[in-house]
C-alpha atoms as a PDB file:
ATOM      1  CA  MET A   1      61.734 -58.254 -50.309  1.00  0.00           C
ATOM      2  CA  ARG A   2      61.812 -54.946 -52.625  1.00  0.00           C
ATOM      3  CA  PRO A   3      65.129 -54.162 -54.206  1.00  0.00           C
ATOM      4  CA  ILE A   4      66.455 -50.411 -53.931  1.00  0.00           C
ATOM      5  CA  ILE A   5      68.340 -49.420 -56.952  1.00  0.00           C
ATOM      6  CA  GLU A   6      69.797 -45.777 -56.905  1.00  0.00           C
ATOM      7  CA  PHE A   7      71.154 -43.582 -59.669  1.00  0.00           C
ATOM      8  CA  CYS A   8      73.247 -40.920 -59.495  1.00  0.00           C
ATOM      9  CA  VAL A   9      72.164 -37.804 -61.667  1.00  0.00           C
ATOM     10  CA  ASN A  10      75.562 -37.243 -62.844  1.00  0.00           C
ATOM     11  CA  ASN A  11      75.486 -40.585 -64.488  1.00  0.00           C
ATOM     12  CA  MET A  12      72.323 -40.153 -66.817  1.00  0.00           C
ATOM     13  CA  HIS A  13      74.883 -38.848 -69.647  1.00  0.00           C
ATOM     14  CA  HIS A  14      75.756 -42.649 -70.165  1.00  0.00           C
ATOM     15  CA  GLY A  15      72.027 -43.334 -70.888  1.00  0.00           C
ATOM     16  CA  THR A  16      71.089 -44.461 -67.169  1.00  0.00           C
ATOM     17  CA  GLY A  17      67.980 -42.286 -67.508  1.00  0.00           C
ATOM     18  CA  ASP A  18      66.407 -44.831 -69.809  1.00  0.00           C
ATOM     19  CA  VAL A  19      67.360 -47.993 -67.661  1.00  0.00           C
ATOM     20  CA  MET A  20      65.898 -45.921 -64.569  1.00  0.00           C
ATOM     21  CA  LYS A  21      62.811 -45.397 -66.505  1.00  0.00           C
ATOM     22  CA  LYS A  22      62.324 -48.626 -67.391  1.00  0.00           C
ATOM     23  CA  LEU A  23      62.814 -50.385 -64.124  1.00  0.00           C
ATOM     24  CA  GLU A  24      60.255 -47.650 -62.717  1.00  0.00           C
ATOM     25  CA  GLU A  25      57.649 -49.361 -64.382  1.00  0.00           C
ATOM     26  CA  ASN A  26      57.869 -52.530 -61.983  1.00  0.00           C
ATOM     27  CA  PRO A  27      56.055 -51.682 -58.839  1.00  0.00           C
ATOM     28  CA  ASP A  28      57.858 -54.142 -57.339  1.00  0.00           C
ATOM     29  CA  TYR A  29      61.108 -52.498 -57.235  1.00  0.00           C
ATOM     30  CA  ASP A  30      62.341 -49.323 -55.376  1.00  0.00           C
ATOM     31  CA  VAL A  31      64.174 -46.906 -57.845  1.00  0.00           C
ATOM     32  CA  ILE A  32      65.878 -43.708 -56.495  1.00  0.00           C
ATOM     33  CA  GLU A  33      67.843 -40.946 -58.068  1.00  0.00           C
ATOM     34  CA  TYR A  34      70.139 -38.965 -55.822  1.00  0.00           C
ATOM     35  CA  GLY A  35      71.972 -35.774 -56.838  1.00  0.00           C
ATOM     36  CA  CYS A  36      75.212 -37.435 -56.037  1.00  0.00           C
ATOM     37  CA  LEU A  37      76.057 -41.351 -54.649  1.00  0.00           C
ATOM     38  CA  GLY A  38      79.932 -40.423 -53.888  1.00  0.00           C
ATOM     39  CA  ASN A  39      81.149 -42.837 -56.383  1.00  0.00           C
ATOM     40  CA  CYS A  40      82.562 -40.193 -58.439  1.00  0.00           C
ATOM     41  CA  GLY A  41      85.094 -42.512 -60.119  1.00  0.00           C
ATOM     42  CA  GLU A  42      82.625 -44.891 -61.617  1.00  0.00           C
ATOM     43  CA  CYS A  43      80.343 -42.572 -62.295  1.00  0.00           C
ATOM     44  CA  SER A  44      82.703 -40.743 -64.636  1.00  0.00           C
ATOM     45  CA  LEU A  45      83.758 -43.488 -66.316  1.00  0.00           C
ATOM     46  CA  PHE A  46      80.828 -45.348 -67.405  1.00  0.00           C
ATOM     47  CA  PRO A  47      77.178 -46.298 -66.363  1.00  0.00           C
ATOM     48  CA  TYR A  48      76.270 -47.348 -62.847  1.00  0.00           C
ATOM     49  CA  ALA A  49      73.874 -48.058 -60.056  1.00  0.00           C
ATOM     50  CA  LEU A  50      73.498 -49.006 -56.756  1.00  0.00           C
ATOM     51  CA  VAL A  51      71.482 -52.383 -56.305  1.00  0.00           C
ATOM     52  CA  ASN A  52      70.882 -52.784 -52.407  1.00  0.00           C
ATOM     53  CA  GLY A  53      73.916 -50.739 -51.887  1.00  0.00           C
ATOM     54  CA  GLU A  54      76.575 -52.661 -54.168  1.00  0.00           C
ATOM     55  CA  ILE A  55      77.632 -51.229 -57.203  1.00  0.00           C
ATOM     56  CA  VAL A  56      76.452 -52.580 -60.400  1.00  0.00           C
ATOM     57  CA  ALA A  57      78.338 -51.346 -63.554  1.00  0.00           C
ATOM     58  CA  ALA A  58      78.604 -52.023 -67.521  1.00  0.00           C
ATOM     59  CA  PRO A  59      80.023 -50.514 -70.288  1.00  0.00           C
ATOM     60  CA  THR A  60      76.972 -49.660 -71.847  1.00  0.00           C
ATOM     61  CA  ALA A  61      73.524 -48.671 -70.533  1.00  0.00           C
ATOM     62  CA  ASP A  62      71.410 -51.439 -72.004  1.00  0.00           C
ATOM     63  CA  GLU A  63      74.316 -53.899 -70.742  1.00  0.00           C
ATOM     64  CA  LEU A  64      73.656 -52.182 -66.997  1.00  0.00           C
ATOM     65  CA  TYR A  65      70.020 -53.276 -67.246  1.00  0.00           C
ATOM     66  CA  GLU A  66      70.908 -56.866 -67.950  1.00  0.00           C
ATOM     67  CA  GLN A  67      73.523 -56.692 -65.006  1.00  0.00           C
ATOM     68  CA  ILE A  68      70.734 -55.150 -62.634  1.00  0.00           C
ATOM     69  CA  MET A  69      68.210 -57.582 -63.611  1.00  0.00           C
ATOM     70  CA  VAL A  70      71.015 -60.351 -62.957  1.00  0.00           C
ATOM     71  CA  LYS A  71      71.798 -58.820 -59.727  1.00  0.00           C
ATOM     72  CA  ILE A  72      68.270 -58.736 -58.694  1.00  0.00           C
ATOM     73  CA  LYS A  73      67.877 -62.415 -59.082  1.00  0.00           C
ATOM     74  CA  GLU A  74      70.685 -63.454 -57.448  1.00  0.00           C
ATOM     75  CA  ILE A  75      69.395 -61.254 -54.106  1.00  0.00           C
ATOM     76  CA  GLU A  76      65.698 -63.017 -54.824  1.00  0.00           C
ATOM     77  CA  ALA A  77      67.629 -66.617 -54.961  1.00  0.00           C
ATOM     78  CA  MET A  78      69.344 -65.949 -51.951  1.00  0.00           C
ATOM     79  CA  PHE A  79      66.468 -64.558 -49.751  1.00  0.00           C
ATOM     80  CA  ASP A  80      64.322 -67.719 -51.103  1.00  0.00           C
ATOM     81  CA  LEU A  81      67.162 -69.949 -49.679  1.00  0.00           C
ATOM     82  CA  LEU A  82      67.205 -68.256 -46.692  1.00  0.00           C
ATOM     83  CA  GLY A  83      63.163 -68.541 -46.425  1.00  0.00           C
ATOM     84  CA  GLU A  84      62.752 -65.156 -46.379  1.00  0.00           C
END
């Protein structure tokens, strides 16, 4: 299972560009940047991304990276449990 991590270009002022670059270094992740993800409320307030379609947000970009990694591990554990 390859996690899909999506970022909004309008959210980059929160420092998510650095998070995106860090995640792009892992060839096992699909990292995509869009002009808009349609979550303007979250986008204006704090750093966020979509991980397999679920919103992951945090107070800072560094914490966002950590939360994304937690979400990826949760998804991988679920797939392991299902034997996929």
